C-alpha atoms as a PDB file:
ATOM      1  CA  MET A   1       9.713 -11.011   6.597  1.00  0.00           C
ATOM      2  CA  GLN A   2       6.388 -10.051   8.646  1.00  0.00           C
ATOM      3  CA  LEU A   3       3.166  -9.173   6.853  1.00  0.00           C
ATOM      4  CA  TYR A   4       1.803  -5.517   7.597  1.00  0.00           C
ATOM      5  CA  ALA A   5      -1.063  -3.416   6.673  1.00  0.00           C
ATOM      6  CA  ILE A   6      -0.416   0.037   5.892  1.00  0.00           C
ATOM      7  CA  LEU A   7      -3.132   2.776   6.356  1.00  0.00           C
ATOM      8  CA  ARG A   8      -2.936   5.719   3.840  1.00  0.00           C
ATOM      9  CA  ARG A   9      -6.030   7.927   4.450  1.00  0.00           C
ATOM     10  CA  GLY A  10      -6.696  10.550   1.762  1.00  0.00           C
ATOM     11  CA  GLY A  11      -3.251  10.448   0.233  1.00  0.00           C
ATOM     12  CA  TRP A  12      -4.144  11.289  -3.292  1.00  0.00           C
ATOM     13  CA  ARG A  13      -6.518  13.734  -5.094  1.00  0.00           C
ATOM     14  CA  SER A  14      -7.486  11.399  -7.919  1.00  0.00           C
ATOM     15  CA  PRO A  15      -6.982   7.882  -9.221  1.00  0.00           C
ATOM     16  CA  GLU A  16      -4.376   9.323 -11.881  1.00  0.00           C
ATOM     17  CA  GLU A  17      -2.206  10.638  -8.854  1.00  0.00           C
ATOM     18  CA  LEU A  18      -2.533   7.326  -7.073  1.00  0.00           C
ATOM     19  CA  GLY A  19      -1.356   5.573 -10.184  1.00  0.00           C
ATOM     20  CA  ARG A  20       1.690   7.704 -10.485  1.00  0.00           C
ATOM     21  CA  ALA A  21       2.235   6.872  -6.763  1.00  0.00           C
ATOM     22  CA  ALA A  22       1.999   3.225  -7.504  1.00  0.00           C
ATOM     23  CA  GLU A  23       4.817   3.426 -10.237  1.00  0.00           C
ATOM     24  CA  ARG A  24       7.108   5.064  -7.746  1.00  0.00           C
ATOM     25  CA  SER A  25       6.379   2.577  -5.142  1.00  0.00           C
ATOM     26  CA  THR A  26       6.894  -0.287  -7.650  1.00  0.00           C
ATOM     27  CA  ALA A  27      10.302   1.138  -8.631  1.00  0.00           C
ATOM     28  CA  GLU A  28      11.443   1.555  -5.092  1.00  0.00           C
ATOM     29  CA  GLY A  29      10.061  -1.933  -4.034  1.00  0.00           C
ATOM     30  CA  GLU A  30      12.341  -3.542  -6.847  1.00  0.00           C
ATOM     31  CA  ARG A  31      15.456  -1.436  -5.593  1.00  0.00           C
ATOM     32  CA  MET A  32      14.537  -2.524  -1.673  1.00  0.00           C
ATOM     33  CA  SER A  33      13.528  -6.163  -2.611  1.00  0.00           C
ATOM     34  CA  ASP A  34      15.438  -7.680   0.070  1.00  0.00           C
ATOM     35  CA  ASP A  35      13.587  -5.698   2.821  1.00  0.00           C
ATOM     36  CA  ILE A  36       9.991  -5.219   1.419  1.00  0.00           C
ATOM     37  CA  ARG A  37       7.459  -6.640  -1.094  1.00  0.00           C
ATOM     38  CA  TRP A  38       4.236  -5.057  -2.105  1.00  0.00           C
ATOM     39  CA  ILE A  39       1.458  -7.606  -2.021  1.00  0.00           C
ATOM     40  CA  ARG A  40      -1.911  -5.790  -2.841  1.00  0.00           C
ATOM     41  CA  SER A  41      -3.795  -2.843  -2.107  1.00  0.00           C
ATOM     42  CA  TYR A  42      -7.256  -1.690  -1.476  1.00  0.00           C
ATOM     43  CA  VAL A  43      -8.298   1.803  -2.746  1.00  0.00           C
ATOM     44  CA  LEU A  44     -10.451   3.618  -0.438  1.00  0.00           C
ATOM     45  CA  GLU A  45     -13.122   6.246  -1.613  1.00  0.00           C
ATOM     46  CA  GLU A  46     -12.448   9.023   0.832  1.00  0.00           C
ATOM     47  CA  ASN A  47     -14.198  12.424   1.434  1.00  0.00           C
ATOM     48  CA  GLU A  48     -14.589  14.977  -1.177  1.00  0.00           C
ATOM     49  CA  GLY A  49     -13.156  12.878  -3.975  1.00  0.00           C
ATOM     50  CA  SER A  50      -9.882  11.827  -2.647  1.00  0.00           C
ATOM     51  CA  VAL A  51      -8.409   8.437  -2.538  1.00  0.00           C
ATOM     52  CA  GLY A  52      -6.746   6.476   0.157  1.00  0.00           C
ATOM     53  CA  THR A  53      -5.484   2.909   0.345  1.00  0.00           C
ATOM     54  CA  VAL A  54      -4.951  -0.109   2.737  1.00  0.00           C
ATOM     55  CA  CYS A  55      -1.783  -1.596   1.457  1.00  0.00           C
ATOM     56  CA  ILE A  56      -0.596  -5.248   2.298  1.00  0.00           C
ATOM     57  CA  TYR A  57       3.354  -5.643   2.379  1.00  0.00           C
ATOM     58  CA  GLU A  58       5.887  -8.089   3.560  1.00  0.00           C
ATOM     59  CA  ALA A  59       8.736  -6.163   5.162  1.00  0.00           C
ATOM     60  CA  THR A  60      11.769  -6.867   7.373  1.00  0.00           C
ATOM     61  CA  SER A  61      10.434  -3.982   9.808  1.00  0.00           C
ATOM     62  CA  PRO A  62       8.229  -0.988  10.052  1.00  0.00           C
ATOM     63  CA  GLU A  63      11.511   1.027   9.457  1.00  0.00           C
ATOM     64  CA  ALA A  64      11.802  -0.616   6.122  1.00  0.00           C
ATOM     65  CA  ILE A  65       8.224   0.364   5.288  1.00  0.00           C
ATOM     66  CA  ARG A  66       8.993   4.021   6.247  1.00  0.00           C
ATOM     67  CA  ALA A  67      12.176   4.149   4.336  1.00  0.00           C
ATOM     68  CA  HIS A  68      10.265   2.867   1.185  1.00  0.00           C
ATOM     69  CA  ALA A  69       7.565   5.313   1.676  1.00  0.00           C
ATOM     70  CA  SER A  70       9.859   8.088   1.968  1.00  0.00           C
ATOM     71  CA  ALA A  71      11.714   7.191  -1.190  1.00  0.00           C
ATOM     72  CA  ALA A  72       8.623   6.792  -2.921  1.00  0.00           C
ATOM     73  CA  GLU A  73       6.927   9.826  -1.662  1.00  0.00           C
ATOM     74  CA  LEU A  74       4.066   7.955  -0.093  1.00  0.00           C
ATOM     75  CA  PRO A  75       2.068   8.859   2.971  1.00  0.00           C
ATOM     76  CA  VAL A  76       1.908   6.429   5.967  1.00  0.00           C
ATOM     77  CA  ASP A  77      -0.715   6.988   8.594  1.00  0.00           C
ATOM     78  CA  GLU A  78      -0.358   3.828  10.378  1.00  0.00           C
ATOM     79  CA  ILE A  79       1.449   0.404  10.146  1.00  0.00           C
ATOM     80  CA  ILE A  80      -0.114  -2.390  11.666  1.00  0.00           C
ATOM     81  CA  PRO A  81       1.555  -6.006  11.922  1.00  0.00           C
ATOM     82  CA  ILE A  82      -0.862  -8.861  10.495  1.00  0.00           C
ATOM     83  CA  ALA A  83      -1.057 -11.787  13.005  1.00  0.00           C
ATOM     84  CA  ASP A  84      -2.987 -14.044  10.705  1.00  0.00           C
ATOM     85  CA  THR A  85      -4.926 -14.414   7.422  1.00  0.00           C
ATOM     86  CA  VAL A  86      -8.369 -15.778   7.264  1.00  0.00           C
ATOM     87  CA  VAL A  87      -9.651 -16.083   3.465  1.00  0.00           C
ATOM     88  CA  VAL A  88     -13.459 -16.678   3.252  1.00  0.00           C
ATOM     89  CA  ARG A  89     -13.578 -15.992  -0.430  1.00  0.00           C
ATOM     90  CA  ASP A  90     -11.212 -14.784  -3.057  1.00  0.00           C
ATOM     91  CA  ASP A  91     -11.225 -10.936  -3.831  1.00  0.00           C
ATOM     92  CA  PRO A  92     -14.007 -10.307  -6.276  1.00  0.00           C
ATOM     93  CA  VAL A  93     -12.843  -9.136  -9.835  1.00  0.00           C
ATOM     94  CA  ALA A  94     -13.042  -5.399 -10.237  1.00  0.00           C
ATOM     95  CA  ALA A  95     -15.729  -4.269 -12.762  1.00  0.00           C
ATOM     96  CA  ALA A  96     -14.305  -2.565 -15.872  1.00  0.00           C
ATOM     97  CA  SER A  97     -14.505   1.105 -15.867  1.00  0.00           C
END
């Protein structure tokens, strides 16, 4: 499988809506586990209160990512193959809200 970054700009009106999308994504990912695996996502603070994401996935192809997104009702603005990973520091732990 290849590592990909998926850009989803302004896809949700609220964090709660994003949470429901994450549940759908997880369910579809389990169904398609031979073709796709969700690694992590970074939530983007977009204009006017909407949220977007940069998602990191392993997948067999961009088509598998699009099939997963369609089944889970997720937007896909761009799919970018990841050539390498450079980790300078671990991701910081998010503050409790």
